[in-house]
PDB file of all heavy atoms in Angstrom:
ATOM      1  N   LYS A   1      49.148  55.383  22.812  1.00  0.00           N
ATOM      2  CA  LYS A   1      47.985  55.114  23.667  1.00  0.00           C
ATOM      3  C   LYS A   1      48.096  53.747  24.341  1.00  0.00           C
ATOM      4  O   LYS A   1      47.498  53.517  25.397  1.00  0.00           O
ATOM      5  CB  LYS A   1      46.692  55.180  22.844  1.00  0.00           C
ATOM      6  CG  LYS A   1      46.344  56.581  22.366  1.00  0.00           C
ATOM      7  CD  LYS A   1      45.018  56.595  21.609  1.00  0.00           C
ATOM      8  CE  LYS A   1      43.831  56.373  22.516  1.00  0.00           C
ATOM      9  NZ  LYS A   1      42.546  56.587  21.829  1.00  0.00           N
ATOM     10  N   LEU A   2      48.870  52.835  23.741  1.00  0.00           N
ATOM     11  CA  LEU A   2      48.991  51.478  24.268  1.00  0.00           C
ATOM     12  C   LEU A   2      50.193  51.307  25.177  1.00  0.00           C
ATOM     13  O   LEU A   2      50.134  50.585  26.175  1.00  0.00           O
ATOM     14  CB  LEU A   2      49.084  50.461  23.119  1.00  0.00           C
ATOM     15  CG  LEU A   2      47.902  50.412  22.154  1.00  0.00           C
ATOM     16  CD1 LEU A   2      48.215  49.468  21.001  1.00  0.00           C
ATOM     17  CD2 LEU A   2      46.634  49.967  22.865  1.00  0.00           C
ATOM     18  N   ASP A   3      51.300  51.927  24.801  1.00  0.00           N
ATOM     19  CA  ASP A   3      52.551  51.776  25.534  1.00  0.00           C
ATOM     20  C   ASP A   3      52.610  52.828  26.632  1.00  0.00           C
ATOM     21  O   ASP A   3      53.006  53.971  26.414  1.00  0.00           O
ATOM     22  CB  ASP A   3      53.735  51.921  24.564  1.00  0.00           C
ATOM     23  CG  ASP A   3      55.074  51.611  25.227  1.00  0.00           C
ATOM     24  OD1 ASP A   3      55.092  51.405  26.457  1.00  0.00           O
ATOM     25  OD2 ASP A   3      56.091  51.560  24.510  1.00  0.00           O
ATOM     26  N   LYS A   4      52.254  52.430  27.839  1.00  0.00           N
ATOM     27  CA  LYS A   4      52.142  53.392  28.943  1.00  0.00           C
ATOM     28  C   LYS A   4      53.496  53.977  29.349  1.00  0.00           C
ATOM     29  O   LYS A   4      53.568  55.072  29.890  1.00  0.00           O
ATOM     30  CB  LYS A   4      51.489  52.717  30.161  1.00  0.00           C
ATOM     31  CG  LYS A   4      50.111  52.135  29.883  1.00  0.00           C
ATOM     32  CD  LYS A   4      49.162  53.182  29.310  1.00  0.00           C
ATOM     33  CE  LYS A   4      47.778  52.599  29.045  1.00  0.00           C
ATOM     34  NZ  LYS A   4      46.865  53.572  28.433  1.00  0.00           N
ATOM     35  N   GLY A   5      54.561  53.257  29.073  1.00  0.00           N
ATOM     36  CA  GLY A   5      55.879  53.768  29.440  1.00  0.00           C
ATOM     37  C   GLY A   5      56.509  54.616  28.364  1.00  0.00           C
ATOM     38  O   GLY A   5      57.589  55.189  28.566  1.00  0.00           O
ATOM     39  N   ALA A   6      55.838  54.708  27.197  1.00  0.00           N
ATOM     40  CA  ALA A   6      56.423  55.425  26.065  1.00  0.00           C
ATOM     41  C   ALA A   6      56.595  56.904  26.355  1.00  0.00           C
ATOM     42  O   ALA A   6      57.595  57.506  25.970  1.00  0.00           O
ATOM     43  CB  ALA A   6      55.557  55.228  24.829  1.00  0.00           C
ATOM     44  N   VAL A   7      55.613  57.516  27.031  1.00  0.00           N
ATOM     45  CA  VAL A   7      55.667  58.951  27.309  1.00  0.00           C
ATOM     46  C   VAL A   7      56.876  59.284  28.167  1.00  0.00           C
ATOM     47  O   VAL A   7      57.626  60.228  27.880  1.00  0.00           O
ATOM     48  CB  VAL A   7      54.373  59.422  28.000  1.00  0.00           C
ATOM     49  CG1 VAL A   7      54.492  60.882  28.420  1.00  0.00           C
ATOM     50  CG2 VAL A   7      53.181  59.231  27.078  1.00  0.00           C
ATOM     51  N   LYS A   8      57.101  58.483  29.199  1.00  0.00           N
ATOM     52  CA  LYS A   8      58.228  58.734  30.097  1.00  0.00           C
ATOM     53  C   LYS A   8      59.551  58.546  29.375  1.00  0.00           C
ATOM     54  O   LYS A   8      60.466  59.364  29.518  1.00  0.00           O
ATOM     55  CB  LYS A   8      58.146  57.803  31.310  1.00  0.00           C
ATOM     56  CG  LYS A   8      59.248  58.043  32.323  1.00  0.00           C
ATOM     57  CD  LYS A   8      59.118  57.099  33.522  1.00  0.00           C
ATOM     58  CE  LYS A   8      60.247  57.345  34.526  1.00  0.00           C
ATOM     59  NZ  LYS A   8      60.139  56.427  35.697  1.00  0.00           N
ATOM     60  N   ARG A   9      59.670  57.473  28.586  1.00  0.00           N
ATOM     61  CA  ARG A   9      60.917  57.214  27.863  1.00  0.00           C
ATOM     62  C   ARG A   9      61.215  58.327  26.863  1.00  0.00           C
ATOM     63  O   ARG A   9      62.353  58.781  26.732  1.00  0.00           O
ATOM     64  CB  ARG A   9      60.838  55.873  27.137  1.00  0.00           C
ATOM     65  CG  ARG A   9      60.828  54.658  28.047  1.00  0.00           C
ATOM     66  CD  ARG A   9      61.140  53.391  27.276  1.00  0.00           C
ATOM     67  NE  ARG A   9      60.232  53.194  26.155  1.00  0.00           N
ATOM     68  CZ  ARG A   9      59.072  52.551  26.243  1.00  0.00           C
ATOM     69  NH1 ARG A   9      58.668  52.067  27.409  1.00  0.00           N
ATOM     70  NH2 ARG A   9      58.300  52.389  25.181  1.00  0.00           N
ATOM     71  N   GLU A  10      60.168  58.781  26.149  1.00  0.00           N
ATOM     72  CA  GLU A  10      60.362  59.834  25.162  1.00  0.00           C
ATOM     73  C   GLU A  10      60.723  61.151  25.847  1.00  0.00           C
ATOM     74  O   GLU A  10      61.551  61.920  25.336  1.00  0.00           O
ATOM     75  CB  GLU A  10      59.094  60.002  24.324  1.00  0.00           C
ATOM     76  CG  GLU A  10      59.244  60.926  23.129  1.00  0.00           C
ATOM     77  CD  GLU A  10      60.208  60.416  22.087  1.00  0.00           C
ATOM     78  OE1 GLU A  10      60.523  59.197  22.083  1.00  0.00           O
ATOM     79  OE2 GLU A  10      60.661  61.242  21.261  1.00  0.00           O
ATOM     80  N   ALA A  11      60.124  61.407  27.015  1.00  0.00           N
ATOM     81  CA  ALA A  11      60.427  62.637  27.748  1.00  0.00           C
ATOM     82  C   ALA A  11      61.894  62.660  28.178  1.00  0.00           C
ATOM     83  O   ALA A  11      62.568  63.701  28.098  1.00  0.00           O
ATOM     84  CB  ALA A  11      59.515  62.758  28.968  1.00  0.00           C
ATOM     85  N   GLU A  12      62.382  61.529  28.630  1.00  0.00           N
ATOM     86  CA  GLU A  12      63.784  61.453  29.044  1.00  0.00           C
ATOM     87  C   GLU A  12      64.712  61.681  27.857  1.00  0.00           C
ATOM     88  O   GLU A  12      65.742  62.361  27.971  1.00  0.00           O
ATOM     89  CB  GLU A  12      64.060  60.086  29.686  1.00  0.00           C
ATOM     90  CG  GLU A  12      63.362  59.897  31.031  1.00  0.00           C
ATOM     91  CD  GLU A  12      63.510  58.487  31.569  1.00  0.00           C
ATOM     92  OE1 GLU A  12      63.999  57.612  30.810  1.00  0.00           O
ATOM     93  OE2 GLU A  12      63.145  58.246  32.738  1.00  0.00           O
ATOM     94  N   LYS A  13      64.334  61.113  26.707  1.00  0.00           N
ATOM     95  CA  LYS A  13      65.147  61.265  25.505  1.00  0.00           C
ATOM     96  C   LYS A  13      65.164  62.732  25.041  1.00  0.00           C
ATOM     97  O   LYS A  13      66.204  63.274  24.651  1.00  0.00           O
ATOM     98  CB  LYS A  13      64.599  60.369  24.389  1.00  0.00           C
ATOM     99  CG  LYS A  13      65.504  60.290  23.163  1.00  0.00           C
ATOM    100  CD  LYS A  13      64.809  59.677  21.967  1.00  0.00           C
ATOM    101  CE  LYS A  13      64.172  58.354  22.274  1.00  0.00           C
ATOM    102  NZ  LYS A  13      63.571  57.756  21.046  1.00  0.00           N
ATOM    103  N   ILE A  14      63.993  63.376  25.109  1.00  0.00           N
ATOM    104  CA  ILE A  14      63.897  64.775  24.672  1.00  0.00           C
ATOM    105  C   ILE A  14      64.674  65.690  25.607  1.00  0.00           C
ATOM    106  O   ILE A  14      65.385  66.605  25.169  1.00  0.00           O
ATOM    107  CB  ILE A  14      62.413  65.199  24.578  1.00  0.00           C
ATOM    108  CG1 ILE A  14      61.747  64.499  23.383  1.00  0.00           C
ATOM    109  CG2 ILE A  14      62.280  66.711  24.452  1.00  0.00           C
ATOM    110  CD1 ILE A  14      60.259  64.744  23.284  1.00  0.00           C
ATOM    111  N   SER A  15      64.551  65.464  26.908  1.00  0.00           N
ATOM    112  CA  SER A  15      65.238  66.316  27.878  1.00  0.00           C
ATOM    113  C   SER A  15      66.757  66.240  27.734  1.00  0.00           C
ATOM    114  O   SER A  15      67.476  67.173  28.118  1.00  0.00           O
ATOM    115  CB  SER A  15      64.835  65.929  29.300  1.00  0.00           C
ATOM    116  OG  SER A  15      63.475  66.242  29.539  1.00  0.00           O
ATOM    117  N   ALA A  16      67.239  65.132  27.191  1.00  0.00           N
ATOM    118  CA  ALA A  16      68.689  64.942  27.038  1.00  0.00           C
ATOM    119  C   ALA A  16      69.246  65.618  25.788  1.00  0.00           C
ATOM    120  O   ALA A  16      70.461  65.617  25.574  1.00  0.00           O
ATOM    121  CB  ALA A  16      69.010  63.448  27.010  1.00  0.00           C
ATOM    122  N   LYS A  17      68.391  66.203  24.970  1.00  0.00           N
ATOM    123  CA  LYS A  17      68.850  66.831  23.725  1.00  0.00           C
ATOM    124  C   LYS A  17      69.665  68.092  24.011  1.00  0.00           C
ATOM    125  O   LYS A  17      69.437  68.791  24.995  1.00  0.00           O
ATOM    126  CB  LYS A  17      67.657  67.181  22.826  1.00  0.00           C
ATOM    127  CG  LYS A  17      66.937  65.971  22.248  1.00  0.00           C
ATOM    128  CD  LYS A  17      65.776  66.403  21.373  1.00  0.00           C
ATOM    129  CE  LYS A  17      65.038  65.185  20.804  1.00  0.00           C
ATOM    130  NZ  LYS A  17      65.835  64.494  19.780  1.00  0.00           N
ATOM    131  N   GLU A  18      70.608  68.374  23.113  1.00  0.00           N
ATOM    132  CA  GLU A  18      71.409  69.589  23.233  1.00  0.00           C
ATOM    133  C   GLU A  18      70.518  70.814  23.012  1.00  0.00           C
ATOM    134  O   GLU A  18      69.449  70.731  22.414  1.00  0.00           O
ATOM    135  CB  GLU A  18      72.536  69.576  22.199  1.00  0.00           C
ATOM    136  CG  GLU A  18      73.559  68.453  22.391  1.00  0.00           C
ATOM    137  CD  GLU A  18      74.632  68.498  21.316  1.00  0.00           C
ATOM    138  OE1 GLU A  18      74.712  69.520  20.587  1.00  0.00           O
ATOM    139  OE2 GLU A  18      75.384  67.508  21.200  1.00  0.00           O
ATOM    140  N   ASP A  19      71.014  71.963  23.491  1.00  0.00           N
ATOM    141  CA  ASP A  19      70.264  73.206  23.308  1.00  0.00           C
ATOM    142  C   ASP A  19      70.124  73.532  21.822  1.00  0.00           C
ATOM    143  O   ASP A  19      71.011  73.228  21.013  1.00  0.00           O
ATOM    144  CB  ASP A  19      70.982  74.366  24.004  1.00  0.00           C
ATOM    145  CG  ASP A  19      70.983  74.203  25.521  1.00  0.00           C
ATOM    146  OD1 ASP A  19      70.235  73.354  26.025  1.00  0.00           O
ATOM    147  OD2 ASP A  19      71.755  74.939  26.176  1.00  0.00           O
ATOM    148  N   PHE A  20      69.007  74.158  21.486  1.00  0.00           N
ATOM    149  CA  PHE A  20      68.753  74.559  20.106  1.00  0.00           C
ATOM    150  C   PHE A  20      69.114  76.036  19.912  1.00  0.00           C
ATOM    151  O   PHE A  20      69.109  76.820  20.859  1.00  0.00           O
ATOM    152  CB  PHE A  20      67.282  74.340  19.744  1.00  0.00           C
ATOM    153  CG  PHE A  20      66.892  72.897  19.623  1.00  0.00           C
ATOM    154  CD1 PHE A  20      66.384  72.212  20.721  1.00  0.00           C
ATOM    155  CD2 PHE A  20      67.025  72.222  18.419  1.00  0.00           C
ATOM    156  CE1 PHE A  20      66.025  70.881  20.612  1.00  0.00           C
ATOM    157  CE2 PHE A  20      66.664  70.893  18.300  1.00  0.00           C
ATOM    158  CZ  PHE A  20      66.169  70.211  19.396  1.00  0.00           C
ATOM    159  N   ASP A  21      69.387  76.372  18.658  1.00  0.00           N
ATOM    160  CA  ASP A  21      69.513  77.784  18.304  1.00  0.00           C
ATOM    161  C   ASP A  21      68.119  78.367  18.068  1.00  0.00           C
ATOM    162  O   ASP A  21      67.819  79.476  18.496  1.00  0.00           O
ATOM    163  CB  ASP A  21      70.361  77.948  17.035  1.00  0.00           C
ATOM    164  CG  ASP A  21      71.808  77.541  17.256  1.00  0.00           C
ATOM    165  OD1 ASP A  21      72.397  77.982  18.258  1.00  0.00           O
ATOM    166  OD2 ASP A  21      72.342  76.765  16.445  1.00  0.00           O
ATOM    167  N   VAL A  22      67.285  77.581  17.363  1.00  0.00           N
ATOM    168  CA  VAL A  22      65.899  77.974  17.107  1.00  0.00           C
ATOM    169  C   VAL A  22      65.002  76.776  17.388  1.00  0.00           C
ATOM    170  O   VAL A  22      65.226  75.690  16.851  1.00  0.00           O
ATOM    171  CB  VAL A  22      65.686  78.437  15.646  1.00  0.00           C
ATOM    172  CG1 VAL A  22      64.194  78.644  15.369  1.00  0.00           C
ATOM    173  CG2 VAL A  22      66.435  79.728  15.380  1.00  0.00           C
ATOM    174  N   LEU A  23      64.000  76.972  18.221  1.00  0.00           N
ATOM    175  CA  LEU A  23      63.019  75.934  18.503  1.00  0.00           C
ATOM    176  C   LEU A  23      61.650  76.461  18.113  1.00  0.00           C
ATOM    177  O   LEU A  23      61.249  77.545  18.556  1.00  0.00           O
ATOM    178  CB  LEU A  23      63.032  75.550  19.984  1.00  0.00           C
ATOM    179  CG  LEU A  23      62.082  74.426  20.393  1.00  0.00           C
ATOM    180  CD1 LEU A  23      62.436  73.122  19.709  1.00  0.00           C
ATOM    181  CD2 LEU A  23      62.081  74.242  21.910  1.00  0.00           C
ATOM    182  N   ILE A  24      60.951  75.709  17.279  1.00  0.00           N
ATOM    183  CA  ILE A  24      59.641  76.138  16.787  1.00  0.00           C
ATOM    184  C   ILE A  24      58.564  75.301  17.465  1.00  0.00           C
ATOM    185  O   ILE A  24      58.632  74.068  17.443  1.00  0.00           O
ATOM    186  CB  ILE A  24      59.557  75.982  15.255  1.00  0.00           C
ATOM    187  CG1 ILE A  24      60.618  76.868  14.596  1.00  0.00           C
ATOM    188  CG2 ILE A  24      58.187  76.333  14.733  1.00  0.00           C
ATOM    189  CD1 ILE A  24      61.253  76.249  13.394  1.00  0.00           C
ATOM    190  N   VAL A  25      57.601  75.954  18.062  1.00  0.00           N
ATOM    191  CA  VAL A  25      56.468  75.268  18.686  1.00  0.00           C
ATOM    192  C   VAL A  25      55.314  75.299  17.697  1.00  0.00           C
ATOM    193  O   VAL A  25      54.731  76.356  17.433  1.00  0.00           O
ATOM    194  CB  VAL A  25      56.070  75.940  20.013  1.00  0.00           C
ATOM    195  CG1 VAL A  25      54.885  75.210  20.640  1.00  0.00           C
ATOM    196  CG2 VAL A  25      57.250  75.962  20.972  1.00  0.00           C
ATOM    197  N   GLY A  26      54.989  74.156  17.141  1.00  0.00           N
ATOM    198  CA  GLY A  26      53.941  74.064  16.130  1.00  0.00           C
ATOM    199  C   GLY A  26      54.485  73.469  14.846  1.00  0.00           C
ATOM    200  O   GLY A  26      55.549  73.880  14.366  1.00  0.00           O
ATOM    201  N   GLY A  27      53.752  72.492  14.299  1.00  0.00           N
ATOM    202  CA  GLY A  27      54.240  71.792  13.109  1.00  0.00           C
ATOM    203  C   GLY A  27      53.352  71.940  11.896  1.00  0.00           C
ATOM    204  O   GLY A  27      53.352  71.084  11.022  1.00  0.00           O
ATOM    205  N   GLY A  28      52.575  73.020  11.830  1.00  0.00           N
ATOM    206  CA  GLY A  28      51.760  73.275  10.652  1.00  0.00           C
ATOM    207  C   GLY A  28      52.589  73.936   9.558  1.00  0.00           C
ATOM    208  O   GLY A  28      53.821  73.975   9.627  1.00  0.00           O
TER     209      GLY A  28
END
C-alpha cells in the first residue's frame, strides 16, 4: 500500500517466470 512502484516491479518479475505444468488460482 505504501510502495507505489511495488506492483509494477512484482508484475514484471511474475511475467518473466517460466511456464508452469500446474498453476493453481487460490491459496486456501
